[in-house]
N, C-alpha and C. Protein backbone atom coordinates (compact mmCIF):
# COMPACT_ATOMS: atom_id res chain seq x y z
N MET A 1 24.89 6.32 14.65
CA MET A 1 24.80 5.41 13.52
C MET A 1 24.61 6.22 12.24
N ILE A 2 25.31 5.87 11.21
CA ILE A 2 25.26 6.59 9.94
C ILE A 2 24.10 6.07 9.11
N ASN A 3 23.28 6.99 8.59
CA ASN A 3 22.22 6.64 7.65
C ASN A 3 22.82 6.61 6.26
N ASN A 4 22.50 5.58 5.50
CA ASN A 4 23.02 5.42 4.14
C ASN A 4 21.86 5.35 3.15
N LEU A 5 21.89 6.20 2.16
CA LEU A 5 20.91 6.17 1.09
C LEU A 5 21.57 5.57 -0.14
N LEU A 6 21.07 4.42 -0.56
CA LEU A 6 21.60 3.74 -1.74
C LEU A 6 20.69 4.08 -2.91
N ILE A 7 21.19 4.85 -3.85
CA ILE A 7 20.41 5.26 -5.01
C ILE A 7 20.68 4.27 -6.13
N TYR A 8 19.63 3.57 -6.53
CA TYR A 8 19.78 2.50 -7.50
C TYR A 8 19.33 2.95 -8.90
N LYS A 9 20.27 2.93 -9.83
CA LYS A 9 20.03 3.24 -11.24
C LYS A 9 19.31 4.57 -11.42
N PHE A 10 19.83 5.59 -10.79
CA PHE A 10 19.21 6.90 -10.88
C PHE A 10 20.31 7.95 -10.74
N SER A 11 21.19 8.02 -11.74
CA SER A 11 22.38 8.86 -11.66
C SER A 11 22.06 10.35 -11.58
N THR A 12 21.00 10.80 -12.23
CA THR A 12 20.63 12.21 -12.18
C THR A 12 20.32 12.65 -10.75
N LEU A 13 19.51 11.88 -10.08
CA LEU A 13 19.17 12.20 -8.69
C LEU A 13 20.41 12.12 -7.80
N PHE A 14 21.26 11.14 -8.04
CA PHE A 14 22.50 11.04 -7.27
C PHE A 14 23.33 12.31 -7.42
N GLN A 15 23.47 12.81 -8.65
CA GLN A 15 24.27 14.02 -8.89
C GLN A 15 23.66 15.24 -8.17
N ILE A 16 22.34 15.33 -8.17
CA ILE A 16 21.67 16.44 -7.48
C ILE A 16 21.94 16.35 -5.98
N LEU A 17 21.77 15.17 -5.42
CA LEU A 17 22.00 15.00 -3.98
C LEU A 17 23.47 15.19 -3.62
N LEU A 18 24.35 14.77 -4.49
CA LEU A 18 25.78 14.91 -4.24
C LEU A 18 26.18 16.38 -4.09
N GLU A 19 25.53 17.25 -4.84
CA GLU A 19 25.80 18.69 -4.73
C GLU A 19 25.43 19.24 -3.34
N HIS A 20 24.52 18.57 -2.66
CA HIS A 20 24.03 19.03 -1.36
C HIS A 20 24.46 18.11 -0.21
N GLU A 21 25.39 17.21 -0.48
CA GLU A 21 25.76 16.18 0.49
C GLU A 21 26.18 16.75 1.85
N SER A 22 26.86 17.87 1.86
CA SER A 22 27.33 18.44 3.12
C SER A 22 26.19 18.88 4.02
N LYS A 23 25.00 19.11 3.45
CA LYS A 23 23.83 19.55 4.22
C LYS A 23 22.91 18.39 4.60
N LEU A 24 23.20 17.21 4.13
CA LEU A 24 22.33 16.06 4.37
C LEU A 24 22.77 15.31 5.62
N ASN A 25 21.82 14.65 6.28
CA ASN A 25 22.17 13.86 7.45
C ASN A 25 22.25 12.37 7.11
N PHE A 26 22.56 12.08 5.87
CA PHE A 26 22.78 10.71 5.44
C PHE A 26 23.85 10.70 4.37
N LYS A 27 24.51 9.56 4.26
CA LYS A 27 25.54 9.37 3.25
C LYS A 27 24.88 8.78 2.01
N ILE A 28 25.25 9.29 0.84
CA ILE A 28 24.63 8.79 -0.39
C ILE A 28 25.61 7.93 -1.19
N HIS A 29 25.05 6.90 -1.82
CA HIS A 29 25.82 5.97 -2.65
C HIS A 29 25.03 5.77 -3.95
N HIS A 30 25.72 5.73 -5.05
CA HIS A 30 25.06 5.43 -6.32
C HIS A 30 25.47 4.04 -6.77
N ILE A 31 24.49 3.21 -7.09
CA ILE A 31 24.78 1.83 -7.49
C ILE A 31 23.97 1.51 -8.74
N GLU A 32 24.63 0.98 -9.75
CA GLU A 32 23.98 0.63 -11.02
C GLU A 32 23.76 -0.87 -11.17
N ASN A 33 24.45 -1.67 -10.37
CA ASN A 33 24.42 -3.12 -10.52
C ASN A 33 23.64 -3.75 -9.36
N LYS A 34 22.66 -4.61 -9.68
CA LYS A 34 21.81 -5.21 -8.65
C LYS A 34 22.61 -6.07 -7.67
N GLU A 35 23.56 -6.85 -8.15
CA GLU A 35 24.36 -7.70 -7.27
C GLU A 35 25.18 -6.85 -6.30
N LEU A 36 25.73 -5.77 -6.81
CA LEU A 36 26.49 -4.85 -5.95
C LEU A 36 25.56 -4.20 -4.92
N LEU A 37 24.36 -3.86 -5.34
CA LEU A 37 23.37 -3.28 -4.42
C LEU A 37 23.05 -4.25 -3.29
N LEU A 38 22.78 -5.49 -3.63
CA LEU A 38 22.46 -6.51 -2.61
C LEU A 38 23.64 -6.74 -1.67
N SER A 39 24.84 -6.75 -2.23
CA SER A 39 26.04 -6.93 -1.42
C SER A 39 26.23 -5.75 -0.46
N LYS A 40 26.10 -4.54 -0.98
CA LYS A 40 26.27 -3.34 -0.15
C LYS A 40 25.20 -3.29 0.95
N ALA A 41 23.97 -3.59 0.59
CA ALA A 41 22.87 -3.57 1.56
C ALA A 41 23.08 -4.59 2.67
N SER A 42 23.65 -5.73 2.34
CA SER A 42 23.87 -6.76 3.36
C SER A 42 24.95 -6.36 4.37
N LYS A 43 25.82 -5.44 3.99
CA LYS A 43 26.92 -5.02 4.87
C LYS A 43 26.58 -3.80 5.72
N LEU A 44 25.55 -3.06 5.34
CA LEU A 44 25.19 -1.84 6.07
C LEU A 44 24.12 -2.13 7.12
N LYS A 45 24.20 -1.42 8.22
CA LYS A 45 23.21 -1.60 9.28
C LYS A 45 21.98 -0.72 9.07
N ASN A 46 22.19 0.51 8.67
CA ASN A 46 21.08 1.43 8.52
C ASN A 46 21.10 2.02 7.11
N TYR A 47 20.22 1.51 6.27
CA TYR A 47 20.19 1.97 4.89
C TYR A 47 18.76 1.99 4.36
N ILE A 48 18.58 2.76 3.32
CA ILE A 48 17.35 2.77 2.53
C ILE A 48 17.79 2.78 1.08
N VAL A 49 17.10 2.03 0.26
CA VAL A 49 17.36 2.03 -1.18
C VAL A 49 16.31 2.93 -1.82
N LEU A 50 16.76 3.86 -2.63
CA LEU A 50 15.87 4.72 -3.39
C LEU A 50 15.94 4.24 -4.83
N SER A 51 14.81 3.81 -5.36
CA SER A 51 14.77 3.21 -6.69
C SER A 51 13.50 3.64 -7.41
N LYS A 52 13.53 3.57 -8.73
CA LYS A 52 12.33 3.83 -9.52
C LYS A 52 11.43 2.60 -9.60
N THR A 53 12.01 1.43 -9.31
CA THR A 53 11.26 0.18 -9.43
C THR A 53 11.42 -0.66 -8.17
N GLU A 54 10.51 -1.57 -7.99
CA GLU A 54 10.54 -2.51 -6.86
C GLU A 54 11.72 -3.47 -7.01
N ILE A 55 12.33 -3.83 -5.89
CA ILE A 55 13.39 -4.83 -5.86
C ILE A 55 12.99 -5.84 -4.80
N PRO A 56 12.48 -7.02 -5.19
CA PRO A 56 11.92 -7.96 -4.23
C PRO A 56 12.86 -8.38 -3.10
N GLU A 57 14.15 -8.39 -3.35
CA GLU A 57 15.11 -8.83 -2.33
C GLU A 57 15.39 -7.76 -1.27
N ILE A 58 14.91 -6.55 -1.49
CA ILE A 58 15.19 -5.43 -0.59
C ILE A 58 13.91 -5.04 0.16
N ASN A 59 14.01 -5.01 1.49
CA ASN A 59 12.87 -4.59 2.31
C ASN A 59 12.84 -3.09 2.55
N ASN A 60 13.99 -2.49 2.67
CA ASN A 60 14.10 -1.07 3.01
C ASN A 60 14.18 -0.24 1.75
N ILE A 61 13.07 -0.12 1.06
CA ILE A 61 13.09 0.55 -0.23
C ILE A 61 12.07 1.68 -0.26
N LEU A 62 12.47 2.76 -0.87
CA LEU A 62 11.59 3.89 -1.12
C LEU A 62 11.51 4.03 -2.63
N ILE A 63 10.33 3.77 -3.17
CA ILE A 63 10.14 3.84 -4.62
C ILE A 63 9.93 5.30 -5.01
N TYR A 64 10.74 5.76 -5.95
CA TYR A 64 10.64 7.14 -6.41
C TYR A 64 9.59 7.21 -7.50
N ASP A 65 8.33 7.34 -7.08
CA ASP A 65 7.23 7.47 -8.03
C ASP A 65 6.45 8.74 -7.76
N PHE A 66 7.10 9.67 -7.07
CA PHE A 66 6.41 10.88 -6.62
C PHE A 66 6.99 12.12 -7.30
N VAL A 67 7.13 12.10 -8.62
CA VAL A 67 7.64 13.25 -9.36
C VAL A 67 6.47 14.04 -9.91
N PRO A 68 6.55 15.31 -10.14
CA PRO A 68 7.61 16.20 -9.68
C PRO A 68 7.47 16.51 -8.19
N MET A 69 8.57 16.87 -7.59
CA MET A 69 8.58 17.14 -6.17
C MET A 69 9.68 18.16 -5.88
N LYS A 70 9.40 19.02 -4.92
CA LYS A 70 10.42 19.97 -4.49
C LYS A 70 11.54 19.20 -3.82
N PHE A 71 12.74 19.73 -3.94
CA PHE A 71 13.92 19.10 -3.34
C PHE A 71 13.73 18.92 -1.83
N SER A 72 13.22 19.94 -1.16
CA SER A 72 13.02 19.87 0.29
C SER A 72 12.03 18.78 0.66
N GLN A 73 11.01 18.56 -0.16
CA GLN A 73 10.03 17.50 0.11
C GLN A 73 10.67 16.13 -0.04
N LEU A 74 11.53 15.98 -1.03
CA LEU A 74 12.23 14.71 -1.21
C LEU A 74 13.09 14.40 0.01
N ILE A 75 13.83 15.39 0.48
CA ILE A 75 14.69 15.19 1.66
C ILE A 75 13.85 14.83 2.87
N GLU A 76 12.70 15.48 3.04
CA GLU A 76 11.80 15.16 4.15
C GLU A 76 11.31 13.72 4.06
N LYS A 77 10.94 13.28 2.85
CA LYS A 77 10.48 11.90 2.67
C LYS A 77 11.58 10.90 3.02
N ILE A 78 12.79 11.19 2.59
CA ILE A 78 13.92 10.30 2.89
C ILE A 78 14.16 10.27 4.40
N ASN A 79 14.21 11.44 5.03
CA ASN A 79 14.44 11.49 6.47
C ASN A 79 13.34 10.79 7.25
N LEU A 80 12.09 10.96 6.82
CA LEU A 80 10.98 10.28 7.47
C LEU A 80 11.11 8.76 7.33
N GLN A 81 11.57 8.32 6.17
CA GLN A 81 11.78 6.89 5.95
C GLN A 81 12.86 6.35 6.89
N PHE A 82 13.93 7.13 7.09
CA PHE A 82 14.96 6.72 8.04
C PHE A 82 14.40 6.66 9.46
N LEU A 83 13.59 7.62 9.83
CA LEU A 83 12.96 7.61 11.16
C LEU A 83 12.09 6.37 11.34
N LYS A 84 11.27 6.08 10.33
CA LYS A 84 10.42 4.89 10.40
C LYS A 84 11.27 3.63 10.55
N ARG A 85 12.36 3.58 9.81
CA ARG A 85 13.26 2.41 9.87
C ARG A 85 13.82 2.23 11.27
N ILE A 86 14.24 3.32 11.89
CA ILE A 86 14.78 3.24 13.25
C ILE A 86 13.73 2.72 14.20
N PHE A 87 12.53 3.25 14.10
CA PHE A 87 11.47 2.83 15.02
C PHE A 87 11.01 1.40 14.76
N LEU A 88 11.01 0.98 13.50
CA LEU A 88 10.61 -0.39 13.21
C LEU A 88 11.61 -1.40 13.75
N ASN A 89 12.85 -0.96 13.90
CA ASN A 89 13.86 -1.85 14.47
C ASN A 89 13.78 -1.91 15.99
N GLN A 90 12.99 -1.07 16.56
CA GLN A 90 12.81 -1.08 18.02
C GLN A 90 11.42 -1.61 18.30
N ARG A 91 11.32 -2.59 19.14
CA ARG A 91 10.02 -3.15 19.47
C ARG A 91 9.19 -2.17 20.28
N SER A 92 9.77 -1.59 21.28
CA SER A 92 9.04 -0.62 22.08
C SER A 92 9.99 0.45 22.59
N PHE A 93 9.43 1.57 22.89
CA PHE A 93 10.23 2.66 23.45
C PHE A 93 9.32 3.53 24.29
N LYS A 94 9.94 4.37 25.07
CA LYS A 94 9.20 5.20 26.00
C LYS A 94 8.90 6.56 25.36
N VAL A 95 7.65 7.00 25.52
CA VAL A 95 7.20 8.30 25.08
C VAL A 95 6.51 8.94 26.27
N GLY A 96 7.14 9.97 26.84
CA GLY A 96 6.60 10.53 28.08
C GLY A 96 6.66 9.44 29.14
N GLY A 97 5.58 9.21 29.83
CA GLY A 97 5.52 8.13 30.82
C GLY A 97 4.98 6.84 30.25
N TYR A 98 4.71 6.79 28.98
CA TYR A 98 4.07 5.65 28.32
C TYR A 98 5.09 4.79 27.59
N PHE A 99 4.69 3.55 27.34
CA PHE A 99 5.48 2.68 26.46
C PHE A 99 4.69 2.47 25.18
N LEU A 100 5.38 2.63 24.07
CA LEU A 100 4.77 2.47 22.77
C LEU A 100 5.33 1.20 22.15
N ASP A 101 4.47 0.24 21.87
CA ASP A 101 4.86 -1.01 21.24
C ASP A 101 4.48 -0.93 19.77
N ILE A 102 5.48 -0.84 18.93
CA ILE A 102 5.25 -0.64 17.50
C ILE A 102 4.65 -1.88 16.86
N ASN A 103 5.15 -3.04 17.21
CA ASN A 103 4.68 -4.26 16.56
C ASN A 103 3.20 -4.53 16.84
N SER A 104 2.77 -4.32 18.07
CA SER A 104 1.37 -4.58 18.40
C SER A 104 0.51 -3.33 18.26
N ARG A 105 1.14 -2.20 17.94
CA ARG A 105 0.46 -0.90 17.83
C ARG A 105 -0.35 -0.60 19.09
N GLN A 106 0.35 -0.65 20.22
CA GLN A 106 -0.29 -0.36 21.50
C GLN A 106 0.52 0.66 22.28
N ILE A 107 -0.20 1.45 23.04
CA ILE A 107 0.44 2.35 23.99
C ILE A 107 -0.02 1.88 25.37
N SER A 108 0.91 1.85 26.33
CA SER A 108 0.55 1.33 27.64
C SER A 108 1.12 2.18 28.76
N LEU A 109 0.44 2.09 29.90
CA LEU A 109 0.84 2.78 31.12
C LEU A 109 0.32 1.95 32.28
N ASN A 110 1.22 1.49 33.15
CA ASN A 110 0.84 0.72 34.34
C ASN A 110 -0.09 -0.45 34.01
N ASN A 111 0.27 -1.26 33.08
CA ASN A 111 -0.48 -2.46 32.65
C ASN A 111 -1.80 -2.15 31.97
N ASN A 112 -2.13 -0.90 31.75
CA ASN A 112 -3.28 -0.54 30.92
C ASN A 112 -2.79 -0.36 29.50
N LYS A 113 -3.47 -1.00 28.56
CA LYS A 113 -3.05 -0.94 27.16
C LYS A 113 -4.17 -0.40 26.29
N LEU A 114 -3.75 0.34 25.28
CA LEU A 114 -4.69 0.92 24.34
C LEU A 114 -4.21 0.62 22.93
N LYS A 115 -5.07 0.03 22.12
CA LYS A 115 -4.76 -0.29 20.73
C LYS A 115 -4.82 0.99 19.89
N LEU A 116 -3.88 1.15 18.98
CA LEU A 116 -3.79 2.33 18.14
C LEU A 116 -3.94 1.95 16.67
N THR A 117 -4.45 2.88 15.88
CA THR A 117 -4.44 2.68 14.43
C THR A 117 -3.03 3.01 13.92
N GLU A 118 -2.76 2.69 12.69
CA GLU A 118 -1.45 2.98 12.12
C GLU A 118 -1.19 4.49 12.09
N LYS A 119 -2.20 5.27 11.70
CA LYS A 119 -2.03 6.73 11.67
C LYS A 119 -1.81 7.29 13.07
N GLU A 120 -2.52 6.76 14.07
CA GLU A 120 -2.32 7.21 15.45
C GLU A 120 -0.89 6.91 15.90
N LEU A 121 -0.44 5.71 15.60
CA LEU A 121 0.93 5.32 15.94
C LEU A 121 1.95 6.24 15.25
N ASN A 122 1.76 6.46 13.95
CA ASN A 122 2.68 7.32 13.20
C ASN A 122 2.66 8.75 13.72
N THR A 123 1.50 9.22 14.13
CA THR A 123 1.40 10.57 14.69
C THR A 123 2.19 10.67 15.98
N ILE A 124 2.03 9.69 16.85
CA ILE A 124 2.76 9.70 18.13
C ILE A 124 4.26 9.60 17.88
N ILE A 125 4.66 8.73 16.99
CA ILE A 125 6.09 8.58 16.68
C ILE A 125 6.65 9.91 16.16
N TYR A 126 5.95 10.51 15.22
CA TYR A 126 6.43 11.76 14.63
C TYR A 126 6.53 12.86 15.68
N LEU A 127 5.47 13.02 16.46
CA LEU A 127 5.47 14.08 17.48
C LEU A 127 6.50 13.82 18.58
N SER A 128 6.76 12.55 18.88
CA SER A 128 7.69 12.23 19.97
C SER A 128 9.12 12.65 19.66
N LYS A 129 9.45 12.83 18.41
CA LYS A 129 10.80 13.22 18.02
C LYS A 129 10.98 14.73 17.90
N LYS A 130 9.92 15.47 18.16
CA LYS A 130 9.97 16.91 18.00
C LYS A 130 10.01 17.60 19.36
N ILE A 131 10.69 18.72 19.41
CA ILE A 131 10.80 19.51 20.64
C ILE A 131 9.76 20.61 20.65
N LEU A 132 9.55 21.23 19.50
CA LEU A 132 8.59 22.33 19.38
C LEU A 132 7.26 21.80 18.85
N PRO A 133 6.17 22.53 19.09
CA PRO A 133 4.87 22.11 18.54
C PRO A 133 4.91 21.98 17.02
N ILE A 134 4.20 20.98 16.53
CA ILE A 134 4.16 20.70 15.09
C ILE A 134 2.81 21.14 14.55
N ASN A 135 2.83 21.97 13.51
CA ASN A 135 1.57 22.47 12.98
C ASN A 135 0.88 21.41 12.11
N VAL A 136 -0.39 21.67 11.83
CA VAL A 136 -1.23 20.73 11.08
C VAL A 136 -0.65 20.47 9.69
N GLU A 137 -0.14 21.51 9.05
CA GLU A 137 0.40 21.35 7.69
C GLU A 137 1.57 20.38 7.67
N GLU A 138 2.44 20.46 8.67
CA GLU A 138 3.58 19.54 8.73
C GLU A 138 3.12 18.11 8.96
N LEU A 139 2.12 17.92 9.83
CA LEU A 139 1.57 16.57 10.04
C LEU A 139 0.91 16.06 8.77
N GLU A 140 0.16 16.93 8.08
CA GLU A 140 -0.47 16.52 6.82
C GLU A 140 0.57 16.02 5.83
N LYS A 141 1.66 16.76 5.73
CA LYS A 141 2.70 16.43 4.75
C LYS A 141 3.50 15.19 5.15
N ASN A 142 3.88 15.09 6.43
CA ASN A 142 4.83 14.06 6.83
C ASN A 142 4.21 12.80 7.43
N VAL A 143 2.97 12.87 7.87
CA VAL A 143 2.32 11.66 8.40
C VAL A 143 1.24 11.19 7.44
N TRP A 144 0.48 12.13 6.87
CA TRP A 144 -0.61 11.77 5.97
C TRP A 144 -0.22 11.85 4.50
N ASN A 145 0.94 12.42 4.19
CA ASN A 145 1.43 12.56 2.81
C ASN A 145 0.48 13.35 1.91
N TYR A 146 -0.16 14.37 2.46
CA TYR A 146 -1.03 15.23 1.67
C TYR A 146 -0.19 16.27 0.94
N GLN A 147 -0.71 16.75 -0.17
CA GLN A 147 -0.07 17.83 -0.92
C GLN A 147 -0.26 19.15 -0.18
N GLU A 148 0.64 20.09 -0.40
CA GLU A 148 0.53 21.41 0.20
C GLU A 148 -0.72 22.11 -0.33
N GLY A 149 -1.37 22.87 0.55
CA GLY A 149 -2.49 23.68 0.12
C GLY A 149 -3.83 22.96 0.05
N MET A 150 -3.88 21.68 0.37
CA MET A 150 -5.15 20.97 0.35
C MET A 150 -5.98 21.41 1.55
N GLU A 151 -7.26 21.61 1.33
CA GLU A 151 -8.16 22.00 2.40
C GLU A 151 -8.72 20.72 3.03
N THR A 152 -8.31 20.45 4.25
CA THR A 152 -8.78 19.25 4.93
C THR A 152 -8.68 19.44 6.44
N HIS A 153 -9.55 18.76 7.15
CA HIS A 153 -9.52 18.78 8.62
C HIS A 153 -9.23 17.39 9.16
N THR A 154 -8.72 16.53 8.31
CA THR A 154 -8.44 15.15 8.70
C THR A 154 -7.49 15.07 9.88
N VAL A 155 -6.41 15.82 9.83
CA VAL A 155 -5.42 15.76 10.90
C VAL A 155 -6.03 16.19 12.23
N GLU A 156 -6.72 17.34 12.22
CA GLU A 156 -7.33 17.81 13.45
C GLU A 156 -8.31 16.79 14.02
N THR A 157 -9.10 16.19 13.14
CA THR A 157 -10.08 15.19 13.57
C THR A 157 -9.39 13.97 14.18
N HIS A 158 -8.36 13.47 13.51
CA HIS A 158 -7.64 12.30 14.02
C HIS A 158 -6.94 12.58 15.34
N VAL A 159 -6.29 13.74 15.43
CA VAL A 159 -5.60 14.07 16.68
C VAL A 159 -6.61 14.26 17.81
N TYR A 160 -7.74 14.88 17.51
CA TYR A 160 -8.79 15.04 18.52
C TYR A 160 -9.26 13.68 19.03
N ARG A 161 -9.50 12.76 18.11
CA ARG A 161 -9.96 11.41 18.50
C ARG A 161 -8.88 10.66 19.27
N LEU A 162 -7.63 10.81 18.85
CA LEU A 162 -6.52 10.17 19.56
C LEU A 162 -6.41 10.71 20.98
N ARG A 163 -6.49 12.02 21.14
CA ARG A 163 -6.43 12.63 22.47
C ARG A 163 -7.59 12.13 23.33
N LYS A 164 -8.77 11.99 22.74
CA LYS A 164 -9.96 11.50 23.47
C LYS A 164 -9.76 10.04 23.89
N LYS A 165 -9.22 9.21 22.99
CA LYS A 165 -8.96 7.80 23.33
C LYS A 165 -8.00 7.70 24.52
N ILE A 166 -6.95 8.50 24.48
CA ILE A 166 -5.95 8.47 25.55
C ILE A 166 -6.57 8.96 26.85
N PHE A 167 -7.39 9.99 26.77
CA PHE A 167 -8.06 10.48 27.98
C PHE A 167 -9.02 9.43 28.54
N ASP A 168 -9.82 8.82 27.66
CA ASP A 168 -10.79 7.81 28.11
C ASP A 168 -10.11 6.63 28.78
N LYS A 169 -8.96 6.21 28.26
CA LYS A 169 -8.26 5.04 28.79
C LYS A 169 -7.37 5.38 29.99
N PHE A 170 -6.63 6.47 29.89
CA PHE A 170 -5.61 6.78 30.91
C PHE A 170 -5.93 8.02 31.75
N LYS A 171 -7.03 8.69 31.41
CA LYS A 171 -7.40 9.94 32.12
C LYS A 171 -6.30 11.00 32.02
N ASP A 172 -5.63 11.03 30.90
CA ASP A 172 -4.53 11.97 30.68
C ASP A 172 -4.93 12.92 29.55
N LYS A 173 -5.27 14.15 29.90
CA LYS A 173 -5.67 15.13 28.89
C LYS A 173 -4.48 15.89 28.32
N ASP A 174 -3.28 15.64 28.86
CA ASP A 174 -2.10 16.41 28.46
C ASP A 174 -1.02 15.58 27.77
N PHE A 175 -1.33 14.38 27.31
CA PHE A 175 -0.32 13.60 26.60
C PHE A 175 0.04 14.30 25.30
N ILE A 176 -0.97 14.59 24.49
CA ILE A 176 -0.76 15.41 23.29
C ILE A 176 -1.40 16.76 23.59
N VAL A 177 -0.55 17.77 23.64
CA VAL A 177 -1.00 19.09 24.01
C VAL A 177 -1.21 19.93 22.75
N ARG A 178 -2.31 20.65 22.72
CA ARG A 178 -2.57 21.57 21.60
C ARG A 178 -2.11 22.96 22.01
N LYS A 179 -1.19 23.50 21.22
CA LYS A 179 -0.70 24.86 21.42
C LYS A 179 -1.19 25.71 20.25
N LYS A 180 -0.97 27.02 20.34
CA LYS A 180 -1.36 27.90 19.23
C LYS A 180 -0.65 27.52 17.94
N THR A 181 0.60 27.05 18.06
CA THR A 181 1.40 26.76 16.87
C THR A 181 1.34 25.29 16.43
N GLY A 182 0.60 24.46 17.16
CA GLY A 182 0.47 23.06 16.73
C GLY A 182 0.35 22.11 17.91
N TYR A 183 0.74 20.85 17.66
CA TYR A 183 0.62 19.78 18.64
C TYR A 183 1.99 19.40 19.19
N LEU A 184 2.00 18.97 20.45
CA LEU A 184 3.23 18.61 21.11
C LEU A 184 2.95 17.48 22.09
N ILE A 185 3.86 16.52 22.18
CA ILE A 185 3.74 15.45 23.17
C ILE A 185 4.44 15.88 24.43
N LYS A 186 3.73 15.74 25.54
CA LYS A 186 4.29 16.08 26.85
C LYS A 186 5.39 15.10 27.18
N LYS A 187 6.55 15.61 27.52
CA LYS A 187 7.70 14.74 27.79
C LYS A 187 7.89 14.57 29.27
């Protein structure tokens, strides 16, 4: 399925992204007219609108209020938004031997269910799409949206508590594995 980024009334950003289009994993469109935007969005299956302002008729919108930002960070934010969109369209999916229900924010195994916080759910979703261990800095940036270089132990604390919850409920100490280079979900 093709990811489509609809850039609304932001020609400068469109031109910058257009220069890098061959390296992007989404197709970019520039739209200046709201009616055309709504029409285009209604015809596409997988899209995100990038806009400087809110558009009440659009649910899949990423508001560009995070300037200044490195180009690579912007691409990461867009890609993360596409990932979230894909997962939100799926009610549940399998992660390792578990089922993750996004709508109810529960993880289950053999009729045992565990309620998750939004950050716990987002952490599991993010880690489930990775093959290699993910370091704390990447989780801070892509799940917690922290700035680079901030001194915090929030991620480690949350992952520790999530691992403990899963162990207490399912007796599984290896669902989220801690490696020297970061965290990994056992597949």
